[in-house]
Amino acid sequence: MDAIINLSVLRPDRKLAFDVNARGCYNMMIAAREHGIRRLINTGPFYAVTGPTYERFDHGIHVDVPHQPGPIFTLLQSHWDRRYALLWLLNKMRM
């Protein structure tokens, strides 16, 4: 296997949102590490990648767009994505 794709999304229920997004991402990274998979594709919430500054654009957003998370949830997801990737030396790709 070359990569793991994480398609988790924000849910309206806070506990479910935490379980799906935070624990789900964490479990995915543990599984990747245990199986020697070094490439993760984490789509996560839209704001974790592009942020409010880019809302008016419906095209031209690519992988080189800098992170610009907004609400606290996406700030935390962005932080822990990077933290675990560095900790486990994972090669992360963002879509």
PDB file of N, CA and C in Angstrom:
ATOM      1  N   MET A   1       0.846  -1.172   0.000  1.00  0.00           N
ATOM      2  CA  MET A   1       0.000   0.000   0.000  1.00  0.00           C
ATOM      3  C   MET A   1       0.893   1.236   0.000  1.00  0.00           C
ATOM      4  N   ASP A   2       0.566   2.201  -0.851  1.00  0.00           N
ATOM      5  CA  ASP A   2       1.371   3.413  -0.988  1.00  0.00           C
ATOM      6  C   ASP A   2       0.943   4.540  -0.066  1.00  0.00           C
ATOM      7  N   ALA A   3      -0.345   4.634   0.229  1.00  0.00           N
ATOM      8  CA  ALA A   3      -0.848   5.784   0.979  1.00  0.00           C
ATOM      9  C   ALA A   3      -2.129   5.427   1.718  1.00  0.00           C
ATOM     10  N   ILE A   4      -2.451   6.259   2.700  1.00  0.00           N
ATOM     11  CA  ILE A   4      -3.742   6.191   3.380  1.00  0.00           C
ATOM     12  C   ILE A   4      -4.443   7.508   3.096  1.00  0.00           C
ATOM     13  N   ILE A   5      -5.722   7.427   2.756  1.00  0.00           N
ATOM     14  CA  ILE A   5      -6.513   8.626   2.483  1.00  0.00           C
ATOM     15  C   ILE A   5      -7.502   8.825   3.629  1.00  0.00           C
ATOM     16  N   ASN A   6      -7.437   9.991   4.262  1.00  0.00           N
ATOM     17  CA  ASN A   6      -8.349  10.335   5.348  1.00  0.00           C
ATOM     18  C   ASN A   6      -9.386  11.314   4.820  1.00  0.00           C
ATOM     19  N   LEU A   7     -10.650  10.907   4.820  1.00  0.00           N
ATOM     20  CA  LEU A   7     -11.735  11.746   4.316  1.00  0.00           C
ATOM     21  C   LEU A   7     -12.661  12.201   5.438  1.00  0.00           C
ATOM     22  N   SER A   8     -12.124  12.343   6.642  1.00  0.00           N
ATOM     23  CA  SER A   8     -12.971  12.738   7.768  1.00  0.00           C
ATOM     24  C   SER A   8     -13.534  14.140   7.566  1.00  0.00           C
ATOM     25  N   VAL A   9     -14.693  14.365   8.169  1.00  0.00           N
ATOM     26  CA  VAL A   9     -15.351  15.666   8.043  1.00  0.00           C
ATOM     27  C   VAL A   9     -15.853  16.129   9.405  1.00  0.00           C
ATOM     28  N   LEU A  10     -16.080  17.408   9.521  1.00  0.00           N
ATOM     29  CA  LEU A  10     -16.640  17.982  10.738  1.00  0.00           C
ATOM     30  C   LEU A  10     -18.103  17.585  10.865  1.00  0.00           C
ATOM     31  N   ARG A  11     -18.499  17.193  12.056  1.00  0.00           N
ATOM     32  CA  ARG A  11     -19.892  16.826  12.332  1.00  0.00           C
ATOM     33  C   ARG A  11     -20.492  17.858  13.291  1.00  0.00           C
ATOM     34  N   PRO A  12     -21.821  18.048  13.257  1.00  0.00           N
ATOM     35  CA  PRO A  12     -22.436  19.043  14.136  1.00  0.00           C
ATOM     36  C   PRO A  12     -22.349  18.681  15.618  1.00  0.00           C
ATOM     37  N   ASP A  13     -22.360  17.412  15.945  1.00  0.00           N
ATOM     38  CA  ASP A  13     -22.250  16.975  17.334  1.00  0.00           C
ATOM     39  C   ASP A  13     -20.794  17.055  17.771  1.00  0.00           C
ATOM     40  N   ARG A  14     -20.509  17.743  18.879  1.00  0.00           N
ATOM     41  CA  ARG A  14     -19.121  17.989  19.293  1.00  0.00           C
ATOM     42  C   ARG A  14     -18.351  16.704  19.590  1.00  0.00           C
ATOM     43  N   LYS A  15     -18.969  15.773  20.311  1.00  0.00           N
ATOM     44  CA  LYS A  15     -18.268  14.532  20.633  1.00  0.00           C
ATOM     45  C   LYS A  15     -17.982  13.738  19.359  1.00  0.00           C
ATOM     46  N   LEU A  16     -18.980  13.646  18.500  1.00  0.00           N
ATOM     47  CA  LEU A  16     -18.786  12.933  17.242  1.00  0.00           C
ATOM     48  C   LEU A  16     -17.722  13.621  16.386  1.00  0.00           C
ATOM     49  N   ALA A  17     -17.732  14.948  16.363  1.00  0.00           N
ATOM     50  CA  ALA A  17     -16.720  15.684  15.597  1.00  0.00           C
ATOM     51  C   ALA A  17     -15.320  15.357  16.111  1.00  0.00           C
ATOM     52  N   PHE A  18     -15.155  15.324  17.430  1.00  0.00           N
ATOM     53  CA  PHE A  18     -13.850  14.989  17.999  1.00  0.00           C
ATOM     54  C   PHE A  18     -13.460  13.560  17.649  1.00  0.00           C
ATOM     55  N   ASP A  19     -14.406  12.632  17.823  1.00  0.00           N
ATOM     56  CA  ASP A  19     -14.111  11.226  17.527  1.00  0.00           C
ATOM     57  C   ASP A  19     -13.735  11.022  16.063  1.00  0.00           C
ATOM     58  N   VAL A  20     -14.495  11.634  15.165  1.00  0.00           N
ATOM     59  CA  VAL A  20     -14.257  11.457  13.732  1.00  0.00           C
ATOM     60  C   VAL A  20     -12.974  12.149  13.299  1.00  0.00           C
ATOM     61  N   ASN A  21     -12.814  13.406  13.658  1.00  0.00           N
ATOM     62  CA  ASN A  21     -11.708  14.202  13.136  1.00  0.00           C
ATOM     63  C   ASN A  21     -10.406  14.024  13.910  1.00  0.00           C
ATOM     64  N   ALA A  22     -10.436  14.186  15.216  1.00  0.00           N
ATOM     65  CA  ALA A  22      -9.192  14.099  15.989  1.00  0.00           C
ATOM     66  C   ALA A  22      -8.751  12.651  16.185  1.00  0.00           C
ATOM     67  N   ARG A  23      -9.625  11.843  16.763  1.00  0.00           N
ATOM     68  CA  ARG A  23      -9.250  10.444  17.006  1.00  0.00           C
ATOM     69  C   ARG A  23      -9.067   9.676  15.705  1.00  0.00           C
ATOM     70  N   GLY A  24      -9.914   9.966  14.734  1.00  0.00           N
ATOM     71  CA  GLY A  24      -9.795   9.291  13.444  1.00  0.00           C
ATOM     72  C   GLY A  24      -8.464   9.573  12.772  1.00  0.00           C
ATOM     73  N   CYS A  25      -8.059  10.836  12.780  1.00  0.00           N
ATOM     74  CA  CYS A  25      -6.777  11.215  12.179  1.00  0.00           C
ATOM     75  C   CYS A  25      -5.615  10.584  12.954  1.00  0.00           C
ATOM     76  N   TYR A  26      -5.705  10.629  14.280  1.00  0.00           N
ATOM     77  CA  TYR A  26      -4.675  10.028  15.126  1.00  0.00           C
ATOM     78  C   TYR A  26      -4.561   8.526  14.849  1.00  0.00           C
ATOM     79  N   ASN A  27      -5.688   7.836  14.808  1.00  0.00           N
ATOM     80  CA  ASN A  27      -5.676   6.392  14.543  1.00  0.00           C
ATOM     81  C   ASN A  27      -5.118   6.078  13.159  1.00  0.00           C
ATOM     82  N   MET A  28      -5.435   6.937  12.193  1.00  0.00           N
ATOM     83  CA  MET A  28      -4.908   6.746  10.841  1.00  0.00           C
ATOM     84  C   MET A  28      -3.378   6.846  10.850  1.00  0.00           C
ATOM     85  N   MET A  29      -2.854   7.818  11.589  1.00  0.00           N
ATOM     86  CA  MET A  29      -1.401   7.991  11.645  1.00  0.00           C
ATOM     87  C   MET A  29      -0.723   6.830  12.357  1.00  0.00           C
ATOM     88  N   ILE A  30      -1.342   6.320  13.406  1.00  0.00           N
ATOM     89  CA  ILE A  30      -0.800   5.143  14.096  1.00  0.00           C
ATOM     90  C   ILE A  30      -0.784   3.948  13.145  1.00  0.00           C
ATOM     91  N   ALA A  31      -1.876   3.735  12.428  1.00  0.00           N
ATOM     92  CA  ALA A  31      -1.944   2.619  11.477  1.00  0.00           C
ATOM     93  C   ALA A  31      -0.880   2.764  10.395  1.00  0.00           C
ATOM     94  N   ALA A  32      -0.693   3.978   9.899  1.00  0.00           N
ATOM     95  CA  ALA A  32       0.330   4.213   8.873  1.00  0.00           C
ATOM     96  C   ALA A  32       1.707   3.847   9.411  1.00  0.00           C
ATOM     97  N   ARG A  33       1.989   4.300  10.604  1.00  0.00           N
ATOM     98  CA  ARG A  33       3.295   4.016  11.209  1.00  0.00           C
ATOM     99  C   ARG A  33       3.498   2.515  11.415  1.00  0.00           C
ATOM    100  N   GLU A  34       2.487   1.842  11.941  1.00  0.00           N
ATOM    101  CA  GLU A  34       2.598   0.405  12.219  1.00  0.00           C
ATOM    102  C   GLU A  34       2.777  -0.425  10.954  1.00  0.00           C
ATOM    103  N   HIS A  35       2.281   0.065   9.837  1.00  0.00           N
ATOM    104  CA  HIS A  35       2.361  -0.684   8.582  1.00  0.00           C
ATOM    105  C   HIS A  35       3.402  -0.125   7.619  1.00  0.00           C
ATOM    106  N   GLY A  36       4.224   0.813   8.094  1.00  0.00           N
ATOM    107  CA  GLY A  36       5.295   1.351   7.266  1.00  0.00           C
ATOM    108  C   GLY A  36       4.827   2.221   6.108  1.00  0.00           C
ATOM    109  N   ILE A  37       3.645   2.780   6.231  1.00  0.00           N
ATOM    110  CA  ILE A  37       3.113   3.653   5.176  1.00  0.00           C
ATOM    111  C   ILE A  37       3.507   5.087   5.511  1.00  0.00           C
ATOM    112  N   ARG A  38       4.234   5.725   4.602  1.00  0.00           N
ATOM    113  CA  ARG A  38       4.780   7.046   4.892  1.00  0.00           C
ATOM    114  C   ARG A  38       4.070   8.178   4.149  1.00  0.00           C
ATOM    115  N   ARG A  39       3.045   7.870   3.409  1.00  0.00           N
ATOM    116  CA  ARG A  39       2.320   8.917   2.679  1.00  0.00           C
ATOM    117  C   ARG A  39       0.865   8.945   3.143  1.00  0.00           C
ATOM    118  N   LEU A  40       0.435  10.123   3.599  1.00  0.00           N
ATOM    119  CA  LEU A  40      -0.939  10.319   4.043  1.00  0.00           C
ATOM    120  C   LEU A  40      -1.574  11.415   3.211  1.00  0.00           C
ATOM    121  N   ILE A  41      -2.798  11.184   2.835  1.00  0.00           N
ATOM    122  CA  ILE A  41      -3.575  12.222   2.166  1.00  0.00           C
ATOM    123  C   ILE A  41      -4.705  12.560   3.122  1.00  0.00           C
ATOM    124  N   ASN A  42      -4.658  13.762   3.673  1.00  0.00           N
ATOM    125  CA  ASN A  42      -5.623  14.186   4.676  1.00  0.00           C
ATOM    126  C   ASN A  42      -6.412  15.364   4.136  1.00  0.00           C
ATOM    127  N   THR A  43      -7.663  15.110   3.742  1.00  0.00           N
ATOM    128  CA  THR A  43      -8.448  16.206   3.184  1.00  0.00           C
ATOM    129  C   THR A  43      -8.991  17.111   4.263  1.00  0.00           C
ATOM    130  N   GLY A  44      -9.377  16.556   5.392  1.00  0.00           N
ATOM    131  CA  GLY A  44      -9.843  17.339   6.522  1.00  0.00           C
ATOM    132  C   GLY A  44     -10.840  18.424   6.142  1.00  0.00           C
ATOM    133  N   PRO A  45     -11.187  19.278   7.087  1.00  0.00           N
ATOM    134  CA  PRO A  45     -12.086  20.385   6.782  1.00  0.00           C
ATOM    135  C   PRO A  45     -11.455  21.379   5.813  1.00  0.00           C
ATOM    136  N   PHE A  46     -12.288  21.999   5.031  1.00  0.00           N
ATOM    137  CA  PHE A  46     -11.841  22.972   4.030  1.00  0.00           C
ATOM    138  C   PHE A  46     -10.972  24.064   4.650  1.00  0.00           C
ATOM    139  N   TYR A  47     -11.372  24.599   5.792  1.00  0.00           N
ATOM    140  CA  TYR A  47     -10.645  25.722   6.387  1.00  0.00           C
ATOM    141  C   TYR A  47      -9.249  25.349   6.873  1.00  0.00           C
ATOM    142  N   ALA A  48      -8.999  24.082   7.157  1.00  0.00           N
ATOM    143  CA  ALA A  48      -7.665  23.695   7.617  1.00  0.00           C
ATOM    144  C   ALA A  48      -6.624  23.925   6.539  1.00  0.00           C
ATOM    145  N   VAL A  49      -7.042  23.889   5.294  1.00  0.00           N
ATOM    146  CA  VAL A  49      -6.109  24.052   4.183  1.00  0.00           C
ATOM    147  C   VAL A  49      -6.093  25.476   3.655  1.00  0.00           C
ATOM    148  N   THR A  50      -7.260  26.053   3.423  1.00  0.00           N
ATOM    149  CA  THR A  50      -7.306  27.322   2.699  1.00  0.00           C
ATOM    150  C   THR A  50      -7.622  28.528   3.551  1.00  0.00           C
ATOM    151  N   GLY A  51      -8.472  28.405   4.528  1.00  0.00           N
ATOM    152  CA  GLY A  51      -8.792  29.520   5.401  1.00  0.00           C
ATOM    153  C   GLY A  51      -9.738  30.533   4.794  1.00  0.00           C
ATOM    154  N   PRO A  52     -10.247  31.432   5.631  1.00  0.00           N
ATOM    155  CA  PRO A  52     -11.256  32.390   5.201  1.00  0.00           C
ATOM    156  C   PRO A  52     -10.780  33.355   4.120  1.00  0.00           C
ATOM    157  N   THR A  53      -9.497  33.641   4.044  1.00  0.00           N
ATOM    158  CA  THR A  53      -8.985  34.564   3.035  1.00  0.00           C
ATOM    159  C   THR A  53      -9.268  34.072   1.625  1.00  0.00           C
ATOM    160  N   TYR A  54      -9.336  32.761   1.450  1.00  0.00           N
ATOM    161  CA  TYR A  54      -9.497  32.186   0.122  1.00  0.00           C
ATOM    162  C   TYR A  54     -10.944  31.851  -0.225  1.00  0.00           C
ATOM    163  N   GLU A  55     -11.901  32.190   0.635  1.00  0.00           N
ATOM    164  CA  GLU A  55     -13.294  31.796   0.410  1.00  0.00           C
ATOM    165  C   GLU A  55     -13.865  32.284  -0.911  1.00  0.00           C
ATOM    166  N   ARG A  56     -13.481  33.454  -1.356  1.00  0.00           N
ATOM    167  CA  ARG A  56     -14.102  34.020  -2.559  1.00  0.00           C
ATOM    168  C   ARG A  56     -13.635  33.342  -3.848  1.00  0.00           C
ATOM    169  N   PHE A  57     -12.586  32.529  -3.772  1.00  0.00           N
ATOM    170  CA  PHE A  57     -12.081  31.847  -4.961  1.00  0.00           C
ATOM    171  C   PHE A  57     -12.743  30.487  -5.113  1.00  0.00           C
ATOM    172  N   ASP A  58     -13.162  30.164  -6.320  1.00  0.00           N
ATOM    173  CA  ASP A  58     -13.697  28.824  -6.560  1.00  0.00           C
ATOM    174  C   ASP A  58     -12.794  28.039  -7.505  1.00  0.00           C
ATOM    175  N   HIS A  59     -11.604  28.547  -7.727  1.00  0.00           N
ATOM    176  CA  HIS A  59     -10.638  27.871  -8.590  1.00  0.00           C
ATOM    177  C   HIS A  59      -9.237  28.345  -8.203  1.00  0.00           C
ATOM    178  N   GLY A  60      -8.254  27.682  -8.695  1.00  0.00           N
ATOM    179  CA  GLY A  60      -6.871  28.115  -8.495  1.00  0.00           C
ATOM    180  C   GLY A  60      -6.299  27.827  -7.114  1.00  0.00           C
ATOM    181  N   ILE A  61      -6.990  27.043  -6.301  1.00  0.00           N
ATOM    182  CA  ILE A  61      -6.444  26.667  -5.001  1.00  0.00           C
ATOM    183  C   ILE A  61      -5.723  25.340  -5.201  1.00  0.00           C
ATOM    184  N   HIS A  62      -4.445  25.314  -4.908  1.00  0.00           N
ATOM    185  CA  HIS A  62      -3.626  24.130  -5.171  1.00  0.00           C
ATOM    186  C   HIS A  62      -2.866  23.735  -3.914  1.00  0.00           C
ATOM    187  N   VAL A  63      -2.083  22.680  -3.991  1.00  0.00           N
ATOM    188  CA  VAL A  63      -1.402  22.138  -2.815  1.00  0.00           C
ATOM    189  C   VAL A  63      -0.383  23.081  -2.206  1.00  0.00           C
ATOM    190  N   ASP A  64       0.081  24.082  -2.942  1.00  0.00           N
ATOM    191  CA  ASP A  64       1.074  25.006  -2.405  1.00  0.00           C
ATOM    192  C   ASP A  64       0.468  26.171  -1.634  1.00  0.00           C
ATOM    193  N   VAL A  65      -0.852  26.257  -1.576  1.00  0.00           N
ATOM    194  CA  VAL A  65      -1.494  27.325  -0.815  1.00  0.00           C
ATOM    195  C   VAL A  65      -1.132  27.133   0.654  1.00  0.00           C
ATOM    196  N   PRO A  66      -0.622  28.175   1.319  1.00  0.00           N
ATOM    197  CA  PRO A  66      -0.217  28.014   2.719  1.00  0.00           C
ATOM    198  C   PRO A  66      -1.414  27.742   3.629  1.00  0.00           C
ATOM    199  N   HIS A  67      -1.159  27.000   4.691  1.00  0.00           N
ATOM    200  CA  HIS A  67      -2.194  26.750   5.693  1.00  0.00           C
ATOM    201  C   HIS A  67      -2.639  28.085   6.259  1.00  0.00           C
ATOM    202  N   GLN A  68      -3.915  28.207   6.490  1.00  0.00           N
ATOM    203  CA  GLN A  68      -4.449  29.408   7.110  1.00  0.00           C
ATOM    204  C   GLN A  68      -5.729  29.023   7.846  1.00  0.00           C
ATOM    205  N   PRO A  69      -5.615  28.172   8.864  1.00  0.00           N
ATOM    206  CA  PRO A  69      -6.805  27.712   9.558  1.00  0.00           C
ATOM    207  C   PRO A  69      -7.500  28.844  10.295  1.00  0.00           C
ATOM    208  N   GLY A  70      -8.795  28.711  10.471  1.00  0.00           N
ATOM    209  CA  GLY A  70      -9.583  29.752  11.109  1.00  0.00           C
ATOM    210  C   GLY A  70     -10.039  29.383  12.504  1.00  0.00           C
ATOM    211  N   PRO A  71     -11.228  28.762  12.645  1.00  0.00           N
ATOM    212  CA  PRO A  71     -11.773  28.458  13.972  1.00  0.00           C
ATOM    213  C   PRO A  71     -10.856  27.535  14.769  1.00  0.00           C
ATOM    214  N   ILE A  72     -11.065  27.498  16.080  1.00  0.00           N
ATOM    215  CA  ILE A  72     -10.195  26.724  16.969  1.00  0.00           C
ATOM    216  C   ILE A  72     -10.112  25.260  16.550  1.00  0.00           C
ATOM    217  N   PHE A  73     -11.217  24.685  16.091  1.00  0.00           N
ATOM    218  CA  PHE A  73     -11.192  23.285  15.671  1.00  0.00           C
ATOM    219  C   PHE A  73     -10.165  23.060  14.576  1.00  0.00           C
ATOM    220  N   THR A  74     -10.197  23.908  13.561  1.00  0.00           N
ATOM    221  CA  THR A  74      -9.278  23.704  12.448  1.00  0.00           C
ATOM    222  C   THR A  74      -7.856  24.086  12.815  1.00  0.00           C
ATOM    223  N   LEU A  75      -7.698  25.042  13.733  1.00  0.00           N
ATOM    224  CA  LEU A  75      -6.353  25.345  14.230  1.00  0.00           C
ATOM    225  C   LEU A  75      -5.750  24.112  14.885  1.00  0.00           C
ATOM    226  N   LEU A  76      -6.531  23.453  15.724  1.00  0.00           N
ATOM    227  CA  LEU A  76      -6.034  22.260  16.409  1.00  0.00           C
ATOM    228  C   LEU A  76      -5.767  21.121  15.438  1.00  0.00           C
ATOM    229  N   GLN A  77      -6.664  20.910  14.477  1.00  0.00           N
ATOM    230  CA  GLN A  77      -6.435  19.826  13.527  1.00  0.00           C
ATOM    231  C   GLN A  77      -5.178  20.088  12.711  1.00  0.00           C
ATOM    232  N   SER A  78      -4.994  21.308  12.274  1.00  0.00           N
ATOM    233  CA  SER A  78      -3.807  21.656  11.502  1.00  0.00           C
ATOM    234  C   SER A  78      -2.542  21.451  12.337  1.00  0.00           C
ATOM    235  N   HIS A  79      -2.590  21.894  13.598  1.00  0.00           N
ATOM    236  CA  HIS A  79      -1.432  21.749  14.485  1.00  0.00           C
ATOM    237  C   HIS A  79      -1.072  20.276  14.678  1.00  0.00           C
ATOM    238  N   TRP A  80      -2.057  19.448  15.019  1.00  0.00           N
ATOM    239  CA  TRP A  80      -1.759  18.045  15.305  1.00  0.00           C
ATOM    240  C   TRP A  80      -1.409  17.266  14.047  1.00  0.00           C
ATOM    241  N   ASP A  81      -1.953  17.643  12.907  1.00  0.00           N
ATOM    242  CA  ASP A  81      -1.512  17.037  11.640  1.00  0.00           C
ATOM    243  C   ASP A  81      -0.012  17.195  11.482  1.00  0.00           C
ATOM    244  N   ARG A  82       0.447  18.423  11.627  1.00  0.00           N
ATOM    245  CA  ARG A  82       1.876  18.714  11.457  1.00  0.00           C
ATOM    246  C   ARG A  82       2.715  18.065  12.551  1.00  0.00           C
ATOM    247  N   ARG A  83       2.224  18.108  13.777  1.00  0.00           N
ATOM    248  CA  ARG A  83       2.959  17.564  14.922  1.00  0.00           C
ATOM    249  C   ARG A  83       3.225  16.071  14.738  1.00  0.00           C
ATOM    250  N   TYR A  84       2.198  15.300  14.422  1.00  0.00           N
ATOM    251  CA  TYR A  84       2.375  13.865  14.254  1.00  0.00           C
ATOM    252  C   TYR A  84       3.174  13.533  13.002  1.00  0.00           C
ATOM    253  N   ALA A  85       3.005  14.309  11.967  1.00  0.00           N
ATOM    254  CA  ALA A  85       3.799  14.067  10.758  1.00  0.00           C
ATOM    255  C   ALA A  85       5.280  14.249  11.059  1.00  0.00           C
ATOM    256  N   LEU A  86       5.620  15.291  11.805  1.00  0.00           N
ATOM    257  CA  LEU A  86       7.025  15.506  12.171  1.00  0.00           C
ATOM    258  C   LEU A  86       7.510  14.425  13.130  1.00  0.00           C
ATOM    259  N   LEU A  87       6.676  14.092  14.104  1.00  0.00           N
ATOM    260  CA  LEU A  87       7.048  13.087  15.098  1.00  0.00           C
ATOM    261  C   LEU A  87       7.356  11.745  14.444  1.00  0.00           C
ATOM    262  N   TRP A  88       6.548  11.357  13.476  1.00  0.00           N
ATOM    263  CA  TRP A  88       6.706  10.056  12.839  1.00  0.00           C
ATOM    264  C   TRP A  88       7.363  10.142  11.476  1.00  0.00           C
ATOM    265  N   LEU A  89       7.843  11.316  11.117  1.00  0.00           N
ATOM    266  CA  LEU A  89       8.537  11.533   9.848  1.00  0.00           C
ATOM    267  C   LEU A  89       7.705  11.042   8.667  1.00  0.00           C
ATOM    268  N   LEU A  90       6.432  11.378   8.701  1.00  0.00           N
ATOM    269  CA  LEU A  90       5.542  10.976   7.621  1.00  0.00           C
ATOM    270  C   LEU A  90       5.625  11.975   6.485  1.00  0.00           C
ATOM    271  N   ASN A  91       5.480  11.482   5.288  1.00  0.00           N
ATOM    272  CA  ASN A  91       5.439  12.335   4.105  1.00  0.00           C
ATOM    273  C   ASN A  91       3.973  12.640   3.832  1.00  0.00           C
ATOM    274  N   LYS A  92       3.512  13.798   4.292  1.00  0.00           N
ATOM    275  CA  LYS A  92       2.099  14.139   4.148  1.00  0.00           C
ATOM    276  C   LYS A  92       1.853  14.907   2.867  1.00  0.00           C
ATOM    277  N   MET A  93       0.748  14.598   2.235  1.00  0.00           N
ATOM    278  CA  MET A  93       0.297  15.346   1.063  1.00  0.00           C
ATOM    279  C   MET A  93      -1.036  15.966   1.416  1.00  0.00           C
ATOM    280  N   ARG A  94      -1.262  17.166   0.991  1.00  0.00           N
ATOM    281  CA  ARG A  94      -2.550  17.828   1.203  1.00  0.00           C
ATOM    282  C   ARG A  94      -3.228  17.985  -0.133  1.00  0.00           C
ATOM    283  N   MET A  95      -4.526  17.818  -0.144  1.00  0.00           N
ATOM    284  CA  MET A  95      -5.302  17.987  -1.371  1.00  0.00           C
ATOM    285  C   MET A  95      -6.150  19.218  -1.229  1.00  0.00           C
TER     286      MET A  95
END
